[in-house]
N, C-alpha and C. Protein backbone atom coordinates (compact mmCIF):
# COMPACT_ATOMS: atom_id res chain seq x y z
N MET A 1 10.56 -17.55 -9.98
CA MET A 1 10.34 -16.54 -8.49
C MET A 1 10.96 -16.99 -7.36
N ASN A 2 11.22 -16.14 -6.15
CA ASN A 2 11.49 -16.75 -4.83
C ASN A 2 10.05 -16.30 -4.31
N SER A 3 10.36 -16.51 -2.94
CA SER A 3 8.53 -16.17 -2.07
C SER A 3 8.63 -14.27 -1.97
N GLU A 4 10.04 -14.00 -1.59
CA GLU A 4 10.46 -12.16 -1.42
C GLU A 4 9.69 -11.88 -2.92
N THR A 5 10.31 -12.35 -3.71
CA THR A 5 9.55 -11.72 -4.95
C THR A 5 8.74 -11.92 -5.26
N THR A 6 7.86 -13.00 -4.88
CA THR A 6 6.50 -12.95 -5.35
C THR A 6 5.41 -11.81 -4.19
N GLN A 7 5.83 -12.05 -3.34
CA GLN A 7 5.01 -11.29 -1.80
C GLN A 7 5.09 -9.88 -2.40
N ILE A 8 6.47 -9.11 -3.03
CA ILE A 8 6.56 -7.90 -3.61
C ILE A 8 5.22 -7.82 -4.79
N THR A 9 5.60 -8.55 -5.68
CA THR A 9 4.88 -8.36 -6.72
C THR A 9 3.35 -8.58 -6.23
N ILE A 10 2.96 -9.36 -5.69
CA ILE A 10 1.63 -9.10 -4.83
C ILE A 10 1.00 -7.98 -4.34
N LEU A 11 2.08 -7.27 -3.73
CA LEU A 11 1.95 -6.15 -3.07
C LEU A 11 1.75 -5.08 -4.19
N MET A 12 2.69 -5.04 -5.12
CA MET A 12 2.76 -3.91 -5.81
C MET A 12 1.03 -3.86 -6.80
N ARG A 13 1.06 -5.41 -6.95
CA ARG A 13 -0.40 -5.57 -7.65
C ARG A 13 -1.60 -4.66 -7.14
N ALA A 14 -1.64 -5.04 -5.76
CA ALA A 14 -2.63 -4.79 -4.80
C ALA A 14 -2.77 -3.43 -4.62
N LEU A 15 -1.23 -2.83 -4.93
CA LEU A 15 -1.59 -1.17 -4.53
C LEU A 15 -1.49 -0.24 -6.25
N ALA A 16 -1.09 -1.13 -6.82
CA ALA A 16 -1.50 -0.35 -8.00
C ALA A 16 -2.51 0.17 -8.62
N ASP A 17 -3.68 -0.28 -8.08
CA ASP A 17 -4.64 0.19 -8.46
C ASP A 17 -5.23 1.39 -7.68
N PRO A 18 -5.56 2.77 -8.11
CA PRO A 18 -5.99 3.68 -7.17
C PRO A 18 -7.22 3.48 -6.47
N THR A 19 -7.99 2.73 -6.91
CA THR A 19 -9.43 2.81 -5.86
C THR A 19 -8.93 2.21 -4.58
N ARG A 20 -8.07 1.06 -4.97
CA ARG A 20 -7.52 0.21 -3.81
C ARG A 20 -6.67 0.99 -2.85
N ARG A 21 -5.83 1.56 -3.57
CA ARG A 21 -4.91 2.49 -2.98
C ARG A 21 -5.74 2.99 -1.83
N ALA A 22 -6.44 3.64 -2.54
CA ALA A 22 -7.66 5.00 -1.56
C ALA A 22 -8.29 3.93 -0.29
N VAL A 23 -8.94 2.71 -0.55
CA VAL A 23 -9.37 1.96 0.64
C VAL A 23 -8.47 1.79 1.66
N PHE A 24 -7.32 1.22 1.04
CA PHE A 24 -6.20 0.85 2.13
C PHE A 24 -5.77 2.23 2.93
N GLU A 25 -5.87 3.62 2.46
CA GLU A 25 -5.20 4.89 2.80
C GLU A 25 -6.53 5.06 4.09
N ARG A 26 -7.90 5.23 3.78
CA ARG A 26 -9.03 4.90 4.47
C ARG A 26 -8.93 3.93 5.96
N ILE A 27 -8.33 2.80 5.58
CA ILE A 27 -8.43 1.99 6.54
C ILE A 27 -7.19 2.10 7.66
N ALA A 28 -6.03 2.87 7.09
CA ALA A 28 -5.10 3.03 7.56
C ALA A 28 -5.06 4.33 8.50
N GLU A 29 -5.97 5.29 8.22
CA GLU A 29 -6.31 6.52 8.99
C GLU A 29 -7.49 5.94 9.87
N ALA A 30 -8.04 5.15 10.06
CA ALA A 30 -8.93 4.12 10.49
C ALA A 30 -8.57 3.51 11.52
N ASP A 31 -9.00 3.51 12.92
CA ASP A 31 -8.62 2.37 13.96
C ASP A 31 -9.13 1.60 13.05
N GLU A 32 -10.12 1.16 13.24
CA GLU A 32 -10.99 0.16 12.42
C GLU A 32 -12.24 0.72 11.44
N ILE A 33 -12.93 0.05 11.06
CA ILE A 33 -13.94 0.42 10.08
C ILE A 33 -14.57 -0.54 9.03
N THR A 34 -15.63 -0.61 8.89
CA THR A 34 -16.62 -1.41 8.17
C THR A 34 -16.37 -1.33 6.47
N VAL A 35 -16.91 -2.27 5.98
CA VAL A 35 -17.32 -2.04 4.74
C VAL A 35 -17.99 -1.25 4.30
N ALA A 36 -19.48 -1.01 5.18
CA ALA A 36 -20.51 -0.14 5.00
C ALA A 36 -20.09 1.25 4.97
N GLU A 37 -18.95 1.45 6.19
CA GLU A 37 -18.26 2.79 6.33
C GLU A 37 -17.33 3.46 5.61
N LEU A 38 -16.68 1.98 4.73
CA LEU A 38 -15.57 2.56 3.13
C LEU A 38 -16.33 2.79 2.16
N THR A 39 -18.09 2.30 2.00
CA THR A 39 -18.47 2.39 0.89
C THR A 39 -19.24 3.64 1.06
N ARG A 40 -19.62 4.26 2.00
CA ARG A 40 -20.05 5.45 2.31
C ARG A 40 -18.95 6.62 1.89
N GLY A 41 -19.77 7.51 0.72
CA GLY A 41 -18.49 8.44 0.48
C GLY A 41 -17.70 8.13 -0.68
N SER A 42 -17.57 6.55 -0.57
CA SER A 42 -16.20 6.39 -1.99
C SER A 42 -16.71 6.41 -3.21
N GLY A 43 -18.29 6.60 -3.92
CA GLY A 43 -17.86 6.30 -4.95
C GLY A 43 -18.19 5.19 -5.73
N VAL A 44 -17.94 3.77 -4.82
CA VAL A 44 -18.13 2.31 -5.67
C VAL A 44 -19.09 1.91 -4.91
N THR A 45 -19.31 0.66 -5.19
CA THR A 45 -20.29 -0.19 -4.51
C THR A 45 -19.52 -0.98 -3.41
N GLN A 46 -20.49 -1.10 -2.63
CA GLN A 46 -20.04 -2.40 -1.84
C GLN A 46 -19.62 -3.88 -2.23
N GLY A 47 -19.87 -4.20 -3.23
CA GLY A 47 -19.65 -5.21 -3.94
C GLY A 47 -17.90 -4.95 -4.33
N ALA A 48 -17.74 -3.56 -4.71
CA ALA A 48 -16.22 -3.45 -5.44
C ALA A 48 -15.34 -3.20 -4.14
N VAL A 49 -15.81 -2.70 -3.11
CA VAL A 49 -14.93 -2.54 -1.59
C VAL A 49 -14.80 -3.66 -1.66
N SER A 50 -16.00 -4.29 -1.06
CA SER A 50 -15.26 -6.17 -0.73
C SER A 50 -14.34 -6.94 -1.68
N GLN A 51 -14.27 -6.55 -2.95
CA GLN A 51 -13.10 -7.24 -4.02
C GLN A 51 -12.09 -6.49 -3.76
N HIS A 52 -11.96 -5.17 -3.20
CA HIS A 52 -10.92 -4.48 -3.19
C HIS A 52 -10.01 -5.27 -1.73
N LEU A 53 -10.85 -5.39 -0.72
CA LEU A 53 -10.23 -5.64 0.32
C LEU A 53 -9.92 -6.92 0.53
N LYS A 54 -10.85 -7.92 -0.26
CA LYS A 54 -10.23 -9.36 -0.51
C LYS A 54 -8.76 -8.96 -1.19
N ALA A 55 -8.23 -8.44 -2.13
CA ALA A 55 -6.87 -8.36 -2.65
C ALA A 55 -6.08 -7.79 -1.41
N LEU A 56 -6.76 -6.75 -0.54
CA LEU A 56 -5.63 -5.78 0.16
C LEU A 56 -5.14 -7.21 1.29
N LYS A 57 -6.25 -7.90 2.04
CA LYS A 57 -5.94 -8.96 2.59
C LYS A 57 -5.18 -9.76 2.11
N GLN A 58 -5.21 -10.35 0.83
CA GLN A 58 -4.48 -11.71 0.42
C GLN A 58 -2.89 -10.85 0.21
N ALA A 59 -3.02 -9.59 0.17
CA ALA A 59 -1.62 -9.43 0.23
C ALA A 59 -0.92 -8.75 1.36
N GLY A 60 -1.96 -9.28 2.73
CA GLY A 60 -1.29 -9.01 3.82
C GLY A 60 -1.24 -7.55 4.34
N LEU A 61 -1.95 -7.01 3.61
CA LEU A 61 -1.61 -5.02 4.12
C LEU A 61 -3.33 -4.97 4.93
N VAL A 62 -4.18 -6.01 5.18
CA VAL A 62 -5.82 -5.58 5.89
C VAL A 62 -5.93 -6.60 6.56
N ALA A 63 -6.37 -6.67 8.03
CA ALA A 63 -6.77 -7.66 8.66
C ALA A 63 -8.35 -7.60 9.23
N GLU A 64 -8.91 -8.55 9.18
CA GLU A 64 -10.34 -8.41 9.88
C GLU A 64 -10.82 -9.02 10.89
N ARG A 65 -11.57 -8.19 11.59
CA ARG A 65 -12.19 -8.84 13.10
C ARG A 65 -13.74 -8.80 13.04
N PRO A 66 -14.60 -10.41 12.48
CA PRO A 66 -15.90 -10.07 12.98
C PRO A 66 -16.11 -10.01 14.26
N GLU A 67 -17.61 -9.38 14.23
CA GLU A 67 -18.56 -8.95 15.51
C GLU A 67 -19.51 -8.77 15.02
N GLY A 68 -20.50 -10.07 15.38
CA GLY A 68 -21.58 -9.97 14.81
C GLY A 68 -22.21 -9.88 13.64
N ARG A 69 -22.77 -8.53 12.93
CA ARG A 69 -23.35 -8.63 11.38
C ARG A 69 -21.77 -8.42 10.89
N ASN A 70 -21.18 -7.32 11.70
CA ASN A 70 -19.87 -6.52 11.17
C ASN A 70 -18.84 -7.18 11.25
N VAL A 71 -18.05 -7.00 10.33
CA VAL A 71 -16.42 -7.16 9.99
C VAL A 71 -16.07 -5.80 9.95
N TYR A 72 -14.70 -5.72 10.68
CA TYR A 72 -14.05 -4.62 11.38
C TYR A 72 -12.73 -4.93 10.28
N TYR A 73 -12.08 -3.88 9.50
CA TYR A 73 -10.86 -3.98 8.75
C TYR A 73 -10.05 -3.26 9.71
N ARG A 74 -8.64 -3.63 9.64
CA ARG A 74 -7.74 -2.42 10.26
C ARG A 74 -6.55 -2.86 9.48
N ALA A 75 -5.51 -1.97 9.35
CA ALA A 75 -4.09 -1.88 8.23
C ALA A 75 -3.21 -2.73 8.93
N GLN A 76 -2.22 -3.56 8.51
CA GLN A 76 -1.82 -4.34 8.57
C GLN A 76 -0.09 -3.71 8.20
N PRO A 77 0.26 -2.54 9.01
CA PRO A 77 1.52 -2.04 8.33
C PRO A 77 2.49 -2.69 8.45
N GLY A 78 3.00 -3.79 8.86
CA GLY A 78 3.78 -4.78 8.79
C GLY A 78 3.98 -5.18 7.41
N GLY A 79 2.61 -5.65 6.78
CA GLY A 79 2.45 -5.97 5.07
C GLY A 79 2.90 -5.23 4.28
N LEU A 80 3.28 -4.09 4.59
CA LEU A 80 4.26 -3.07 3.39
C LEU A 80 5.97 -3.67 3.71
N LEU A 81 6.64 -3.87 4.78
CA LEU A 81 8.27 -4.24 5.07
C LEU A 81 8.25 -4.95 3.63
N PRO A 82 8.10 -5.81 2.98
CA PRO A 82 8.54 -6.45 1.99
C PRO A 82 9.09 -5.37 0.83
N LEU A 83 8.09 -4.55 0.69
CA LEU A 83 7.78 -3.50 -0.07
C LEU A 83 8.83 -2.54 -0.39
N ALA A 84 9.02 -2.11 1.24
CA ALA A 84 9.90 -0.97 1.88
C ALA A 84 11.23 -1.44 2.00
N ASP A 85 11.80 -2.88 2.40
CA ASP A 85 12.68 -3.51 1.77
C ASP A 85 13.32 -3.74 0.52
N TRP A 86 12.34 -4.08 -0.71
CA TRP A 86 12.82 -3.69 -1.78
C TRP A 86 13.33 -2.59 -2.08
N MET A 87 12.52 -1.71 -1.88
CA MET A 87 12.94 -0.05 -2.09
C MET A 87 14.31 0.40 -1.68
N SER A 88 14.40 0.05 -0.44
CA SER A 88 16.13 0.18 0.40
C SER A 88 16.97 0.06 -0.50
N HIS A 89 16.73 -1.14 -1.16
CA HIS A 89 17.89 -1.51 -2.44
C HIS A 89 18.25 -0.59 -3.11
N TYR A 90 17.64 0.77 -3.46
CA TYR A 90 17.94 1.40 -4.76
C TYR A 90 17.95 2.64 -3.91
N ARG A 91 17.98 2.71 -2.70
CA ARG A 91 18.38 4.07 -2.26
C ARG A 91 19.66 5.00 -2.16
N ALA A 92 20.61 3.58 -2.41
CA ALA A 92 22.18 4.35 -2.87
C ALA A 92 22.45 4.21 -4.33
N PHE A 93 21.76 3.88 -4.85
CA PHE A 93 21.17 4.19 -6.33
C PHE A 93 20.86 5.64 -6.75
N TRP A 94 19.84 6.09 -5.86
CA TRP A 94 19.13 7.11 -5.94
C TRP A 94 19.98 8.25 -5.32
N ARG A 95 20.53 7.96 -4.37
CA ARG A 95 21.63 8.88 -3.56
C ARG A 95 22.30 9.29 -4.42
N LYS A 96 23.63 8.17 -5.05
CA LYS A 96 24.22 8.54 -6.23
C LYS A 96 23.86 9.65 -7.00
N ARG A 97 22.41 9.31 -7.95
CA ARG A 97 22.44 10.06 -8.78
C ARG A 97 21.96 11.61 -8.39
N PHE A 98 21.52 11.46 -7.55
CA PHE A 98 21.45 12.97 -6.72
C PHE A 98 22.68 13.78 -6.26
N ASN A 99 23.77 13.13 -6.10
CA ASN A 99 24.94 13.70 -5.57
C ASN A 99 25.40 14.21 -7.44
N ASN A 100 25.18 13.51 -7.95
CA ASN A 100 25.98 13.47 -9.21
C ASN A 100 25.05 14.84 -10.04
N ILE A 101 24.00 14.71 -10.21
CA ILE A 101 23.29 16.09 -9.76
C ILE A 101 23.35 17.57 -9.38
N ARG A 102 23.49 17.43 -7.90
CA ARG A 102 24.01 18.22 -7.02
C ARG A 102 25.42 18.95 -7.76
N ASN A 103 26.48 17.63 -7.85
CA ASN A 103 27.75 18.53 -8.37
C ASN A 103 27.72 18.98 -9.74
N LEU A 104 26.78 18.72 -10.63
CA LEU A 104 26.38 18.98 -11.62
C LEU A 104 26.06 20.43 -12.04
N LEU A 105 25.18 20.85 -11.10
CA LEU A 105 24.31 21.79 -10.62
C LEU A 105 25.55 22.96 -10.44
N LYS A 106 26.40 22.66 -9.32
CA LYS A 106 27.52 23.56 -8.59
C LYS A 106 28.15 24.13 -9.81
N GLU A 107 28.59 22.91 -10.77
CA GLU A 107 29.67 23.31 -12.06
C GLU A 107 29.21 24.05 -13.01
N ILE A 108 27.64 24.26 -13.11
CA ILE A 108 27.01 25.03 -13.98
C ILE A 108 26.64 26.36 -13.08
N ASP A 109 26.65 26.54 -11.73
CA ASP A 109 26.34 27.65 -11.77
C ASP A 109 26.76 27.45 -9.70
N PRO A 110 28.10 28.06 -10.31
CA PRO A 110 29.15 27.88 -8.86
C PRO A 110 28.61 28.98 -7.97
């Protein structure tokens, strides 16, 4: 496996978990947010949120900034770039498939 494939795998694994995706989305919506703020109203423990943050950080999706007793997390949207690049390879495939469907529908109902 090359490094790009490895990074895509790490990203997909990080985002495969729905709770982790929700944590990432909350971070992305905020400028910066603490673990305590992420835990409030999430329905999961602070320890679980910390584990999700660890996976997101390892995937390059979040960065942290310590300040006193708090650690602030912010989204690193550039971390999604390898996944976006990988998905762009399939854009032509899907465009062709949608064109085929469009043509079929025109034949069925001109």
